[in-house]
């Protein structure tokens, strides 16, 4: 049986039953990150003594009677609350497909969580599982000496220089949040980021005010000029700290404020007893300059996986064909990686 959960207390009570979860699974984060046309839901599957939950954002497909589902920005995926000894995942697959068919949901896309086991094995055989790359993480249960040994020599030099010239402070006020938003958005413009990375003011304020997870905003203050030259948001939940967003003043790029902020959070998170500090991967999961930057902190890697599922092949083909006509191009013969293909634009082709 599959139920739809929309109520906050019930949603979070279920999340808390999981052995491992992250802030990406919470009711609060789904409502903070949702777009105007997205409806957050939590699917609850129960069968005898097995219970599995899957958080999704449901979207209407324009000019159609269909819908599709996606995951929040970050790492979500299914959570197993209880699993019976004789559980057969094909029953889960069958009920999930029936649910999507009944609700005219054509496709489902979900980024899985690299630190939560069995997500991919449970979904395997239903759609496609892809691994676009790895995430970099710091093992906070290793000793201080071991953590620093995994830093590159040049990184240690940069951090030591930055620590002499700058001070790290905790951002708490509305002015601090506004300052960080400015730094972050300037960064996104500088790297010509996709529109989806330009989060609204409400998004940042929601992260800072949520009581379902702990958000730390760290700011790097240049001692001489008293200027905030960089900032980073780190989010803590369960046993994981996530390096979520950051921004810096490019006039002070050589002082490496983000490197210092990550190091400060590593020290802080270790003392607070967390297990993993996830720095994430490269842009769109690729091993690019961002990925290389993160690898200067650690060589610990975990594969990041995404799940793509077409629940209604016939409707999917019709939607892709209609979209091809609108774009005046043949999507299928251009080997488009974007999923679902009917939401691709010319820039992604």
C-alpha atoms as a PDB file:
ATOM      1  CA  UNK A   1       0.000   0.000   0.000  1.00  0.00           C
ATOM      2  CA  UNK A   2       1.205   3.523  -0.803  1.00  0.00           C
ATOM      3  CA  UNK A   3       0.032   6.591   1.092  1.00  0.00           C
ATOM      4  CA  UNK A   4       0.686  10.264   0.335  1.00  0.00           C
ATOM      5  CA  UNK A   5       1.962  12.218   3.337  1.00  0.00           C
ATOM      6  CA  UNK A   6       1.724  16.021   3.232  1.00  0.00           C
ATOM      7  CA  UNK A   7       1.394  16.976   6.900  1.00  0.00           C
ATOM      8  CA  UNK A   8       4.578  18.253   8.560  1.00  0.00           C
ATOM      9  CA  UNK A   9       4.475  16.369  11.867  1.00  0.00           C
ATOM     10  CA  UNK A  10       3.650  13.042  10.233  1.00  0.00           C
ATOM     11  CA  UNK A  11       6.321  13.579   7.553  1.00  0.00           C
ATOM     12  CA  UNK A  12       9.090  14.310  10.048  1.00  0.00           C
ATOM     13  CA  UNK A  13       7.998  11.578  12.469  1.00  0.00           C
ATOM     14  CA  UNK A  14       8.560   9.077   9.654  1.00  0.00           C
ATOM     15  CA  UNK A  15      11.953  10.565   8.735  1.00  0.00           C
ATOM     16  CA  UNK A  16      13.112  10.185  12.332  1.00  0.00           C
ATOM     17  CA  UNK A  17      12.393   6.448  12.210  1.00  0.00           C
ATOM     18  CA  UNK A  18      15.144   5.955   9.615  1.00  0.00           C
ATOM     19  CA  UNK A  19      18.535   4.822  10.848  1.00  0.00           C
ATOM     20  CA  UNK A  20      20.179   7.423   8.603  1.00  0.00           C
ATOM     21  CA  UNK A  21      18.614  10.490   6.990  1.00  0.00           C
ATOM     22  CA  UNK A  22      19.672  14.014   6.061  1.00  0.00           C
ATOM     23  CA  UNK A  23      18.154  17.479   6.051  1.00  0.00           C
ATOM     24  CA  UNK A  24      17.353  16.994   2.348  1.00  0.00           C
ATOM     25  CA  UNK A  25      14.611  14.547   3.409  1.00  0.00           C
ATOM     26  CA  UNK A  26      12.815  16.917   5.786  1.00  0.00           C
ATOM     27  CA  UNK A  27       9.441  18.571   5.285  1.00  0.00           C
ATOM     28  CA  UNK A  28      11.005  21.960   5.937  1.00  0.00           C
ATOM     29  CA  UNK A  29      13.675  21.675   3.256  1.00  0.00           C
ATOM     30  CA  UNK A  30      11.163  20.454   0.672  1.00  0.00           C
ATOM     31  CA  UNK A  31       8.998  23.500   1.283  1.00  0.00           C
ATOM     32  CA  UNK A  32      11.973  25.881   1.395  1.00  0.00           C
ATOM     33  CA  UNK A  33      13.366  24.647  -1.925  1.00  0.00           C
ATOM     34  CA  UNK A  34      10.143  24.024  -3.859  1.00  0.00           C
ATOM     35  CA  UNK A  35       9.390  26.114  -6.929  1.00  0.00           C
ATOM     36  CA  UNK A  36       5.992  27.745  -7.391  1.00  0.00           C
ATOM     37  CA  UNK A  37       4.707  24.880  -9.541  1.00  0.00           C
ATOM     38  CA  UNK A  38       6.022  22.078  -7.303  1.00  0.00           C
ATOM     39  CA  UNK A  39       4.083  20.126  -4.677  1.00  0.00           C
ATOM     40  CA  UNK A  40       6.152  18.370  -1.966  1.00  0.00           C
ATOM     41  CA  UNK A  41       4.898  14.904  -1.032  1.00  0.00           C
ATOM     42  CA  UNK A  42       6.241  11.963   0.943  1.00  0.00           C
ATOM     43  CA  UNK A  43       5.285   8.535  -0.383  1.00  0.00           C
ATOM     44  CA  UNK A  44       4.923   5.863   2.303  1.00  0.00           C
ATOM     45  CA  UNK A  45       5.011   2.233   1.180  1.00  0.00           C
ATOM     46  CA  UNK A  46       3.974  -0.457   3.674  1.00  0.00           C
ATOM     47  CA  UNK A  47       3.829  -4.205   3.129  1.00  0.00           C
ATOM     48  CA  UNK A  48       3.577  -6.572   6.126  1.00  0.00           C
ATOM     49  CA  UNK A  49       6.597  -5.559   8.244  1.00  0.00           C
ATOM     50  CA  UNK A  50       8.352  -3.390   5.632  1.00  0.00           C
ATOM     51  CA  UNK A  51       8.069   0.406   5.465  1.00  0.00           C
ATOM     52  CA  UNK A  52       9.823   2.586   2.869  1.00  0.00           C
ATOM     53  CA  UNK A  53       9.446   6.322   2.270  1.00  0.00           C
ATOM     54  CA  UNK A  54      10.298   8.475  -0.744  1.00  0.00           C
ATOM     55  CA  UNK A  55      10.144  12.303  -0.737  1.00  0.00           C
ATOM     56  CA  UNK A  56       9.382  13.949  -4.092  1.00  0.00           C
ATOM     57  CA  UNK A  57       8.379  17.220  -5.713  1.00  0.00           C
ATOM     58  CA  UNK A  58       5.426  16.799  -8.096  1.00  0.00           C
ATOM     59  CA  UNK A  59       5.199  19.127 -11.126  1.00  0.00           C
ATOM     60  CA  UNK A  60       2.530  19.641 -13.752  1.00  0.00           C
ATOM     61  CA  UNK A  61       3.748  19.230 -17.332  1.00  0.00           C
ATOM     62  CA  UNK A  62       2.668  22.311 -19.289  1.00  0.00           C
ATOM     63  CA  UNK A  63       0.043  21.923 -22.009  1.00  0.00           C
ATOM     64  CA  UNK A  64      -0.794  18.375 -20.967  1.00  0.00           C
ATOM     65  CA  UNK A  65      -2.824  16.364 -18.481  1.00  0.00           C
ATOM     66  CA  UNK A  66       0.331  14.768 -17.091  1.00  0.00           C
ATOM     67  CA  UNK A  67       2.719  15.274 -14.194  1.00  0.00           C
ATOM     68  CA  UNK A  68       6.264  14.319 -13.329  1.00  0.00           C
ATOM     69  CA  UNK A  69       8.326  14.029 -10.151  1.00  0.00           C
ATOM     70  CA  UNK A  70      11.778  15.225  -9.168  1.00  0.00           C
ATOM     71  CA  UNK A  71      13.909  15.484  -6.037  1.00  0.00           C
ATOM     72  CA  UNK A  72      15.078  18.540  -4.140  1.00  0.00           C
ATOM     73  CA  UNK A  73      18.423  20.237  -4.828  1.00  0.00           C
ATOM     74  CA  UNK A  74      20.907  18.021  -3.008  1.00  0.00           C
ATOM     75  CA  UNK A  75      20.867  14.357  -2.037  1.00  0.00           C
ATOM     76  CA  UNK A  76      17.562  12.726  -1.090  1.00  0.00           C
ATOM     77  CA  UNK A  77      16.220   9.372  -2.301  1.00  0.00           C
ATOM     78  CA  UNK A  78      14.360   6.595  -0.514  1.00  0.00           C
ATOM     79  CA  UNK A  79      14.665   5.712   3.166  1.00  0.00           C
ATOM     80  CA  UNK A  80      14.052   2.234   4.550  1.00  0.00           C
ATOM     81  CA  UNK A  81      12.347   2.488   7.943  1.00  0.00           C
ATOM     82  CA  UNK A  82      11.832  -1.258   8.435  1.00  0.00           C
ATOM     83  CA  UNK A  83      12.591  -4.184   6.150  1.00  0.00           C
ATOM     84  CA  UNK A  84      11.052  -7.601   6.641  1.00  0.00           C
ATOM     85  CA  UNK A  85      13.184 -10.723   6.404  1.00  0.00           C
ATOM     86  CA  UNK A  86      11.286 -12.013   3.358  1.00  0.00           C
ATOM     87  CA  UNK A  87      10.785  -8.645   1.649  1.00  0.00           C
ATOM     88  CA  UNK A  88      10.595  -8.836  -2.152  1.00  0.00           C
ATOM     89  CA  UNK A  89      11.457  -5.516  -3.815  1.00  0.00           C
ATOM     90  CA  UNK A  90       9.413  -6.406  -6.904  1.00  0.00           C
ATOM     91  CA  UNK A  91       6.285  -5.818  -4.802  1.00  0.00           C
ATOM     92  CA  UNK A  92       7.579  -2.321  -4.003  1.00  0.00           C
ATOM     93  CA  UNK A  93       8.325  -1.689  -7.696  1.00  0.00           C
ATOM     94  CA  UNK A  94       4.872  -2.906  -8.753  1.00  0.00           C
ATOM     95  CA  UNK A  95       3.026  -0.695  -6.246  1.00  0.00           C
ATOM     96  CA  UNK A  96       5.188   2.320  -7.043  1.00  0.00           C
ATOM     97  CA  UNK A  97       4.529   1.947 -10.774  1.00  0.00           C
ATOM     98  CA  UNK A  98       0.785   1.548 -10.122  1.00  0.00           C
ATOM     99  CA  UNK A  99       0.833   4.735  -8.029  1.00  0.00           C
ATOM    100  CA  UNK A 100       2.594   6.727 -10.757  1.00  0.00           C
ATOM    101  CA  UNK A 101       0.206   5.383 -13.396  1.00  0.00           C
ATOM    102  CA  UNK A 102      -2.876   6.214 -11.322  1.00  0.00           C
ATOM    103  CA  UNK A 103      -1.667   9.788 -10.738  1.00  0.00           C
ATOM    104  CA  UNK A 104      -0.550  10.276 -14.379  1.00  0.00           C
ATOM    105  CA  UNK A 105       3.075  10.790 -13.334  1.00  0.00           C
ATOM    106  CA  UNK A 106       5.116  10.148 -16.482  1.00  0.00           C
ATOM    107  CA  UNK A 107       8.698  10.314 -15.179  1.00  0.00           C
ATOM    108  CA  UNK A 108      10.570  10.323 -11.877  1.00  0.00           C
ATOM    109  CA  UNK A 109      14.042  11.754 -11.276  1.00  0.00           C
ATOM    110  CA  UNK A 110      15.831  11.485  -7.936  1.00  0.00           C
ATOM    111  CA  UNK A 111      19.336  12.273  -6.771  1.00  0.00           C
ATOM    112  CA  UNK A 112      20.323   9.579  -4.296  1.00  0.00           C
ATOM    113  CA  UNK A 113      22.295  10.074  -1.089  1.00  0.00           C
ATOM    114  CA  UNK A 114      25.920   8.882  -1.255  1.00  0.00           C
ATOM    115  CA  UNK A 115      26.044   8.070   2.476  1.00  0.00           C
ATOM    116  CA  UNK A 116      22.800   6.099   2.765  1.00  0.00           C
ATOM    117  CA  UNK A 117      23.154   2.420   1.899  1.00  0.00           C
ATOM    118  CA  UNK A 118      20.772   0.284  -0.195  1.00  0.00           C
ATOM    119  CA  UNK A 119      19.016   3.123  -2.034  1.00  0.00           C
ATOM    120  CA  UNK A 120      20.352   2.011  -5.405  1.00  0.00           C
ATOM    121  CA  UNK A 121      19.949  -1.729  -4.771  1.00  0.00           C
ATOM    122  CA  UNK A 122      16.304  -1.244  -3.777  1.00  0.00           C
ATOM    123  CA  UNK A 123      15.538   0.771  -6.927  1.00  0.00           C
ATOM    124  CA  UNK A 124      17.658  -1.363  -9.250  1.00  0.00           C
ATOM    125  CA  UNK A 125      15.530  -2.960 -11.954  1.00  0.00           C
ATOM    126  CA  UNK A 126      13.146  -0.010 -12.055  1.00  0.00           C
ATOM    127  CA  UNK A 127      14.336   2.534 -14.602  1.00  0.00           C
ATOM    128  CA  UNK A 128      17.991   3.535 -14.945  1.00  0.00           C
ATOM    129  CA  UNK A 129      20.622   4.064 -12.277  1.00  0.00           C
ATOM    130  CA  UNK A 130      23.483   6.381 -13.289  1.00  0.00           C
ATOM    131  CA  UNK A 131      26.640   7.532 -11.524  1.00  0.00           C
ATOM    132  CA  UNK A 132      27.772  10.863 -12.997  1.00  0.00           C
ATOM    133  CA  UNK A 133      30.709  11.161 -10.593  1.00  0.00           C
ATOM    134  CA  UNK A 134      31.917  11.152  -6.998  1.00  0.00           C
ATOM    135  CA  UNK A 135      31.552  13.343  -3.944  1.00  0.00           C
ATOM    136  CA  UNK A 136      34.500  14.264  -1.720  1.00  0.00           C
ATOM    137  CA  UNK A 137      34.187  13.891   2.040  1.00  0.00           C
ATOM    138  CA  UNK A 138      36.217  14.234   5.221  1.00  0.00           C
ATOM    139  CA  UNK A 139      36.030  11.406   7.748  1.00  0.00           C
ATOM    140  CA  UNK A 140      35.463  13.306  10.994  1.00  0.00           C
ATOM    141  CA  UNK A 141      36.023  10.187  13.090  1.00  0.00           C
ATOM    142  CA  UNK A 142      39.671  10.083  12.020  1.00  0.00           C
ATOM    143  CA  UNK A 143      42.161  11.985  14.183  1.00  0.00           C
ATOM    144  CA  UNK A 144      43.079  15.644  13.661  1.00  0.00           C
ATOM    145  CA  UNK A 145      46.494  14.522  12.454  1.00  0.00           C
ATOM    146  CA  UNK A 146      44.991  12.089   9.933  1.00  0.00           C
ATOM    147  CA  UNK A 147      42.551  14.717   8.657  1.00  0.00           C
ATOM    148  CA  UNK A 148      45.342  17.245   8.079  1.00  0.00           C
ATOM    149  CA  UNK A 149      47.571  14.644   6.432  1.00  0.00           C
ATOM    150  CA  UNK A 150      44.933  14.334   3.702  1.00  0.00           C
ATOM    151  CA  UNK A 151      45.176  18.078   2.967  1.00  0.00           C
ATOM    152  CA  UNK A 152      47.474  18.983   0.096  1.00  0.00           C
ATOM    153  CA  UNK A 153      50.649  20.771   1.202  1.00  0.00           C
ATOM    154  CA  UNK A 154      49.702  23.892  -0.733  1.00  0.00           C
ATOM    155  CA  UNK A 155      46.246  23.936   0.899  1.00  0.00           C
ATOM    156  CA  UNK A 156      47.795  23.957   4.373  1.00  0.00           C
ATOM    157  CA  UNK A 157      49.970  26.916   3.335  1.00  0.00           C
ATOM    158  CA  UNK A 158      46.963  28.842   1.999  1.00  0.00           C
ATOM    159  CA  UNK A 159      44.915  28.217   5.148  1.00  0.00           C
ATOM    160  CA  UNK A 160      47.750  29.263   7.468  1.00  0.00           C
ATOM    161  CA  UNK A 161      48.163  32.524   5.544  1.00  0.00           C
ATOM    162  CA  UNK A 162      44.425  33.181   5.566  1.00  0.00           C
ATOM    163  CA  UNK A 163      44.171  32.477   9.297  1.00  0.00           C
ATOM    164  CA  UNK A 164      46.812  35.137  10.037  1.00  0.00           C
ATOM    165  CA  UNK A 165      44.985  37.804   8.042  1.00  0.00           C
ATOM    166  CA  UNK A 166      41.344  36.916   8.679  1.00  0.00           C
ATOM    167  CA  UNK A 167      38.895  35.990  11.431  1.00  0.00           C
ATOM    168  CA  UNK A 168      35.984  33.567  11.092  1.00  0.00           C
ATOM    169  CA  UNK A 169      32.711  34.691  12.684  1.00  0.00           C
ATOM    170  CA  UNK A 170      29.242  33.149  12.893  1.00  0.00           C
ATOM    171  CA  UNK A 171      26.603  34.928  10.833  1.00  0.00           C
ATOM    172  CA  UNK A 172      23.326  35.321  12.712  1.00  0.00           C
ATOM    173  CA  UNK A 173      21.639  38.615  11.867  1.00  0.00           C
ATOM    174  CA  UNK A 174      19.431  39.545   8.920  1.00  0.00           C
ATOM    175  CA  UNK A 175      22.267  41.804   7.737  1.00  0.00           C
ATOM    176  CA  UNK A 176      24.676  38.841   7.798  1.00  0.00           C
ATOM    177  CA  UNK A 177      22.301  36.749   5.682  1.00  0.00           C
ATOM    178  CA  UNK A 178      21.827  39.618   3.221  1.00  0.00           C
ATOM    179  CA  UNK A 179      25.585  40.057   2.935  1.00  0.00           C
ATOM    180  CA  UNK A 180      26.048  36.367   2.213  1.00  0.00           C
ATOM    181  CA  UNK A 181      23.283  36.373  -0.417  1.00  0.00           C
ATOM    182  CA  UNK A 182      25.063  39.216  -2.221  1.00  0.00           C
ATOM    183  CA  UNK A 183      28.395  37.355  -2.197  1.00  0.00           C
ATOM    184  CA  UNK A 184      26.746  34.132  -3.337  1.00  0.00           C
ATOM    185  CA  UNK A 185      24.737  35.655  -6.190  1.00  0.00           C
ATOM    186  CA  UNK A 186      27.757  37.638  -7.411  1.00  0.00           C
ATOM    187  CA  UNK A 187      29.658  34.350  -7.532  1.00  0.00           C
ATOM    188  CA  UNK A 188      26.895  32.669  -9.512  1.00  0.00           C
ATOM    189  CA  UNK A 189      26.884  35.521 -12.037  1.00  0.00           C
ATOM    190  CA  UNK A 190      30.671  35.341 -12.337  1.00  0.00           C
ATOM    191  CA  UNK A 191      30.633  31.619 -13.218  1.00  0.00           C
ATOM    192  CA  UNK A 192      27.553  32.033 -15.445  1.00  0.00           C
ATOM    193  CA  UNK A 193      25.547  29.553 -13.360  1.00  0.00           C
ATOM    194  CA  UNK A 194      22.208  28.133 -14.481  1.00  0.00           C
ATOM    195  CA  UNK A 195      19.085  29.987 -13.241  1.00  0.00           C
ATOM    196  CA  UNK A 196      18.264  27.142 -10.821  1.00  0.00           C
ATOM    197  CA  UNK A 197      21.258  28.148  -8.662  1.00  0.00           C
ATOM    198  CA  UNK A 198      19.974  31.686  -8.080  1.00  0.00           C
ATOM    199  CA  UNK A 199      17.970  30.925  -4.960  1.00  0.00           C
ATOM    200  CA  UNK A 200      15.420  33.404  -3.609  1.00  0.00           C
ATOM    201  CA  UNK A 201      15.798  35.442  -0.420  1.00  0.00           C
ATOM    202  CA  UNK A 202      13.150  33.227   1.184  1.00  0.00           C
ATOM    203  CA  UNK A 203      15.277  30.160   0.455  1.00  0.00           C
ATOM    204  CA  UNK A 204      18.236  31.507   2.453  1.00  0.00           C
ATOM    205  CA  UNK A 205      16.042  32.816   5.260  1.00  0.00           C
ATOM    206  CA  UNK A 206      14.230  29.475   5.425  1.00  0.00           C
ATOM    207  CA  UNK A 207      17.508  27.585   5.801  1.00  0.00           C
ATOM    208  CA  UNK A 208      18.584  29.830   8.655  1.00  0.00           C
ATOM    209  CA  UNK A 209      15.275  29.684  10.532  1.00  0.00           C
ATOM    210  CA  UNK A 210      14.328  25.991  10.198  1.00  0.00           C
ATOM    211  CA  UNK A 211      14.108  23.997  13.430  1.00  0.00           C
ATOM    212  CA  UNK A 212      14.332  20.652  11.584  1.00  0.00           C
ATOM    213  CA  UNK A 213      18.085  20.938  10.982  1.00  0.00           C
ATOM    214  CA  UNK A 214      20.982  23.166  12.061  1.00  0.00           C
ATOM    215  CA  UNK A 215      22.349  25.741   9.623  1.00  0.00           C
ATOM    216  CA  UNK A 216      25.692  27.424  10.275  1.00  0.00           C
ATOM    217  CA  UNK A 217      26.576  30.547   8.312  1.00  0.00           C
ATOM    218  CA  UNK A 218      30.305  31.220   8.669  1.00  0.00           C
ATOM    219  CA  UNK A 219      31.735  34.533   7.481  1.00  0.00           C
ATOM    220  CA  UNK A 220      35.377  35.396   6.811  1.00  0.00           C
ATOM    221  CA  UNK A 221      36.307  38.871   8.088  1.00  0.00           C
ATOM    222  CA  UNK A 222      39.448  40.569   6.758  1.00  0.00           C
ATOM    223  CA  UNK A 223      41.192  41.905   9.870  1.00  0.00           C
ATOM    224  CA  UNK A 224      42.719  45.005   8.298  1.00  0.00           C
ATOM    225  CA  UNK A 225      39.723  46.360   6.373  1.00  0.00           C
ATOM    226  CA  UNK A 226      36.989  44.783   8.551  1.00  0.00           C
ATOM    227  CA  UNK A 227      35.372  43.623   5.307  1.00  0.00           C
ATOM    228  CA  UNK A 228      33.486  40.336   5.011  1.00  0.00           C
ATOM    229  CA  UNK A 229      35.325  38.710   2.107  1.00  0.00           C
ATOM    230  CA  UNK A 230      33.646  35.307   2.021  1.00  0.00           C
ATOM    231  CA  UNK A 231      30.847  33.228   3.451  1.00  0.00           C
ATOM    232  CA  UNK A 232      29.644  29.641   3.474  1.00  0.00           C
ATOM    233  CA  UNK A 233      26.515  27.812   4.592  1.00  0.00           C
ATOM    234  CA  UNK A 234      26.962  24.412   6.232  1.00  0.00           C
ATOM    235  CA  UNK A 235      23.969  22.288   7.214  1.00  0.00           C
ATOM    236  CA  UNK A 236      24.034  19.686   9.983  1.00  0.00           C
ATOM    237  CA  UNK A 237      21.608  16.821  10.403  1.00  0.00           C
ATOM    238  CA  UNK A 238      21.901  13.390  11.994  1.00  0.00           C
ATOM    239  CA  UNK A 239      25.599  12.445  11.653  1.00  0.00           C
ATOM    240  CA  UNK A 240      26.392  14.475   8.524  1.00  0.00           C
ATOM    241  CA  UNK A 241      27.573  18.028   7.828  1.00  0.00           C
ATOM    242  CA  UNK A 242      26.958  19.285   4.288  1.00  0.00           C
ATOM    243  CA  UNK A 243      28.976  22.055   2.624  1.00  0.00           C
ATOM    244  CA  UNK A 244      25.936  23.620   0.983  1.00  0.00           C
ATOM    245  CA  UNK A 245      26.682  27.028  -0.567  1.00  0.00           C
ATOM    246  CA  UNK A 246      29.473  29.607  -0.562  1.00  0.00           C
ATOM    247  CA  UNK A 247      30.497  32.935  -2.035  1.00  0.00           C
ATOM    248  CA  UNK A 248      33.501  35.246  -1.917  1.00  0.00           C
ATOM    249  CA  UNK A 249      34.556  38.780  -2.806  1.00  0.00           C
ATOM    250  CA  UNK A 250      36.763  38.352  -5.876  1.00  0.00           C
ATOM    251  CA  UNK A 251      38.920  41.326  -4.815  1.00  0.00           C
ATOM    252  CA  UNK A 252      40.157  39.104  -1.969  1.00  0.00           C
ATOM    253  CA  UNK A 253      40.378  35.869  -3.939  1.00  0.00           C
ATOM    254  CA  UNK A 254      44.091  35.438  -3.117  1.00  0.00           C
ATOM    255  CA  UNK A 255      43.309  35.264   0.607  1.00  0.00           C
ATOM    256  CA  UNK A 256      41.391  31.997   0.071  1.00  0.00           C
ATOM    257  CA  UNK A 257      38.505  32.727   2.466  1.00  0.00           C
ATOM    258  CA  UNK A 258      36.457  29.656   1.453  1.00  0.00           C
ATOM    259  CA  UNK A 259      39.355  27.321   2.200  1.00  0.00           C
ATOM    260  CA  UNK A 260      39.606  28.829   5.691  1.00  0.00           C
ATOM    261  CA  UNK A 261      35.842  28.517   6.275  1.00  0.00           C
ATOM    262  CA  UNK A 262      35.813  24.846   5.281  1.00  0.00           C
ATOM    263  CA  UNK A 263      38.750  24.171   7.606  1.00  0.00           C
ATOM    264  CA  UNK A 264      36.987  25.954  10.476  1.00  0.00           C
ATOM    265  CA  UNK A 265      33.854  23.875   9.944  1.00  0.00           C
ATOM    266  CA  UNK A 266      35.940  20.692   9.856  1.00  0.00           C
ATOM    267  CA  UNK A 267      37.380  21.566  13.284  1.00  0.00           C
ATOM    268  CA  UNK A 268      33.958  22.556  14.654  1.00  0.00           C
ATOM    269  CA  UNK A 269      32.103  19.523  13.273  1.00  0.00           C
ATOM    270  CA  UNK A 270      34.748  17.135  14.602  1.00  0.00           C
ATOM    271  CA  UNK A 271      34.446  18.589  18.101  1.00  0.00           C
ATOM    272  CA  UNK A 272      30.641  18.308  17.897  1.00  0.00           C
ATOM    273  CA  UNK A 273      30.821  14.573  17.129  1.00  0.00           C
ATOM    274  CA  UNK A 274      29.658  14.387  13.507  1.00  0.00           C
ATOM    275  CA  UNK A 275      30.820  11.470  11.342  1.00  0.00           C
ATOM    276  CA  UNK A 276      30.993  12.834   7.793  1.00  0.00           C
ATOM    277  CA  UNK A 277      31.706  16.258   6.329  1.00  0.00           C
ATOM    278  CA  UNK A 278      30.492  16.087   2.735  1.00  0.00           C
ATOM    279  CA  UNK A 279      32.083  18.644   0.414  1.00  0.00           C
ATOM    280  CA  UNK A 280      30.073  17.435  -2.583  1.00  0.00           C
ATOM    281  CA  UNK A 281      31.289  16.923  -6.138  1.00  0.00           C
ATOM    282  CA  UNK A 282      31.952  18.936  -9.258  1.00  0.00           C
ATOM    283  CA  UNK A 283      29.428  20.844 -11.325  1.00  0.00           C
ATOM    284  CA  UNK A 284      26.761  18.411 -12.533  1.00  0.00           C
ATOM    285  CA  UNK A 285      28.805  15.611 -10.940  1.00  0.00           C
ATOM    286  CA  UNK A 286      31.799  16.118 -13.247  1.00  0.00           C
ATOM    287  CA  UNK A 287      35.461  16.004 -12.242  1.00  0.00           C
ATOM    288  CA  UNK A 288      36.168  19.661 -12.986  1.00  0.00           C
ATOM    289  CA  UNK A 289      38.035  22.508 -11.263  1.00  0.00           C
ATOM    290  CA  UNK A 290      35.454  22.582  -8.444  1.00  0.00           C
ATOM    291  CA  UNK A 291      35.959  18.865  -7.855  1.00  0.00           C
ATOM    292  CA  UNK A 292      39.750  19.326  -7.899  1.00  0.00           C
ATOM    293  CA  UNK A 293      39.421  22.121  -5.317  1.00  0.00           C
ATOM    294  CA  UNK A 294      37.488  19.818  -2.988  1.00  0.00           C
ATOM    295  CA  UNK A 295      40.032  17.024  -3.474  1.00  0.00           C
ATOM    296  CA  UNK A 296      42.726  19.238  -1.929  1.00  0.00           C
ATOM    297  CA  UNK A 297      40.934  18.629   1.405  1.00  0.00           C
ATOM    298  CA  UNK A 298      40.543  14.870   1.130  1.00  0.00           C
ATOM    299  CA  UNK A 299      40.956  11.886  -1.155  1.00  0.00           C
ATOM    300  CA  UNK A 300      37.920  10.140   0.373  1.00  0.00           C
ATOM    301  CA  UNK A 301      35.365   9.612  -2.397  1.00  0.00           C
ATOM    302  CA  UNK A 302      31.889   8.124  -2.641  1.00  0.00           C
ATOM    303  CA  UNK A 303      29.913   7.575  -5.858  1.00  0.00           C
ATOM    304  CA  UNK A 304      26.956   9.899  -6.370  1.00  0.00           C
ATOM    305  CA  UNK A 305      24.022   8.214  -8.123  1.00  0.00           C
ATOM    306  CA  UNK A 306      20.856   9.391  -9.806  1.00  0.00           C
ATOM    307  CA  UNK A 307      17.691   7.446 -10.559  1.00  0.00           C
ATOM    308  CA  UNK A 308      15.736   8.002 -13.779  1.00  0.00           C
ATOM    309  CA  UNK A 309      12.434   6.254 -14.329  1.00  0.00           C
ATOM    310  CA  UNK A 310       9.884   6.478 -17.143  1.00  0.00           C
ATOM    311  CA  UNK A 311       6.570   5.297 -15.716  1.00  0.00           C
ATOM    312  CA  UNK A 312       4.552   5.822 -18.913  1.00  0.00           C
ATOM    313  CA  UNK A 313       6.613   5.148 -22.054  1.00  0.00           C
ATOM    314  CA  UNK A 314       3.808   6.029 -24.453  1.00  0.00           C
ATOM    315  CA  UNK A 315       3.065   9.398 -22.841  1.00  0.00           C
ATOM    316  CA  UNK A 316       6.805  10.105 -22.605  1.00  0.00           C
ATOM    317  CA  UNK A 317       7.268   9.610 -26.358  1.00  0.00           C
ATOM    318  CA  UNK A 318       4.328  11.912 -27.112  1.00  0.00           C
ATOM    319  CA  UNK A 319       5.714  14.617 -24.800  1.00  0.00           C
ATOM    320  CA  UNK A 320       9.214  14.364 -26.291  1.00  0.00           C
ATOM    321  CA  UNK A 321       7.806  14.548 -29.819  1.00  0.00           C
ATOM    322  CA  UNK A 322       5.763  17.632 -28.936  1.00  0.00           C
ATOM    323  CA  UNK A 323       8.843  19.232 -27.345  1.00  0.00           C
ATOM    324  CA  UNK A 324      10.954  18.462 -30.425  1.00  0.00           C
ATOM    325  CA  UNK A 325       8.404  20.285 -32.539  1.00  0.00           C
ATOM    326  CA  UNK A 326       8.587  23.330 -30.223  1.00  0.00           C
ATOM    327  CA  UNK A 327      12.407  23.382 -30.270  1.00  0.00           C
ATOM    328  CA  UNK A 328      12.541  22.545 -33.982  1.00  0.00           C
ATOM    329  CA  UNK A 329      15.197  19.898 -33.345  1.00  0.00           C
ATOM    330  CA  UNK A 330      15.441  16.114 -33.039  1.00  0.00           C
ATOM    331  CA  UNK A 331      16.176  15.500 -29.348  1.00  0.00           C
ATOM    332  CA  UNK A 332      16.419  11.710 -29.532  1.00  0.00           C
ATOM    333  CA  UNK A 333      18.994  11.646 -32.334  1.00  0.00           C
ATOM    334  CA  UNK A 334      21.205  14.183 -30.524  1.00  0.00           C
ATOM    335  CA  UNK A 335      21.792  11.783 -27.617  1.00  0.00           C
ATOM    336  CA  UNK A 336      20.394  14.229 -25.067  1.00  0.00           C
ATOM    337  CA  UNK A 337      21.462  13.394 -21.507  1.00  0.00           C
ATOM    338  CA  UNK A 338      18.966  15.780 -19.890  1.00  0.00           C
ATOM    339  CA  UNK A 339      16.118  13.962 -18.172  1.00  0.00           C
ATOM    340  CA  UNK A 340      13.278  14.140 -18.766  1.00  0.00           C
ATOM    341  CA  UNK A 341      14.078  15.090 -22.371  1.00  0.00           C
ATOM    342  CA  UNK A 342      10.790  16.981 -22.775  1.00  0.00           C
ATOM    343  CA  UNK A 343      12.051  19.542 -20.213  1.00  0.00           C
ATOM    344  CA  UNK A 344      15.378  20.128 -21.984  1.00  0.00           C
ATOM    345  CA  UNK A 345      16.203  23.481 -23.551  1.00  0.00           C
ATOM    346  CA  UNK A 346      18.478  24.341 -26.473  1.00  0.00           C
ATOM    347  CA  UNK A 347      21.397  25.082 -24.110  1.00  0.00           C
ATOM    348  CA  UNK A 348      21.284  21.539 -22.694  1.00  0.00           C
ATOM    349  CA  UNK A 349      21.302  19.876 -26.128  1.00  0.00           C
END
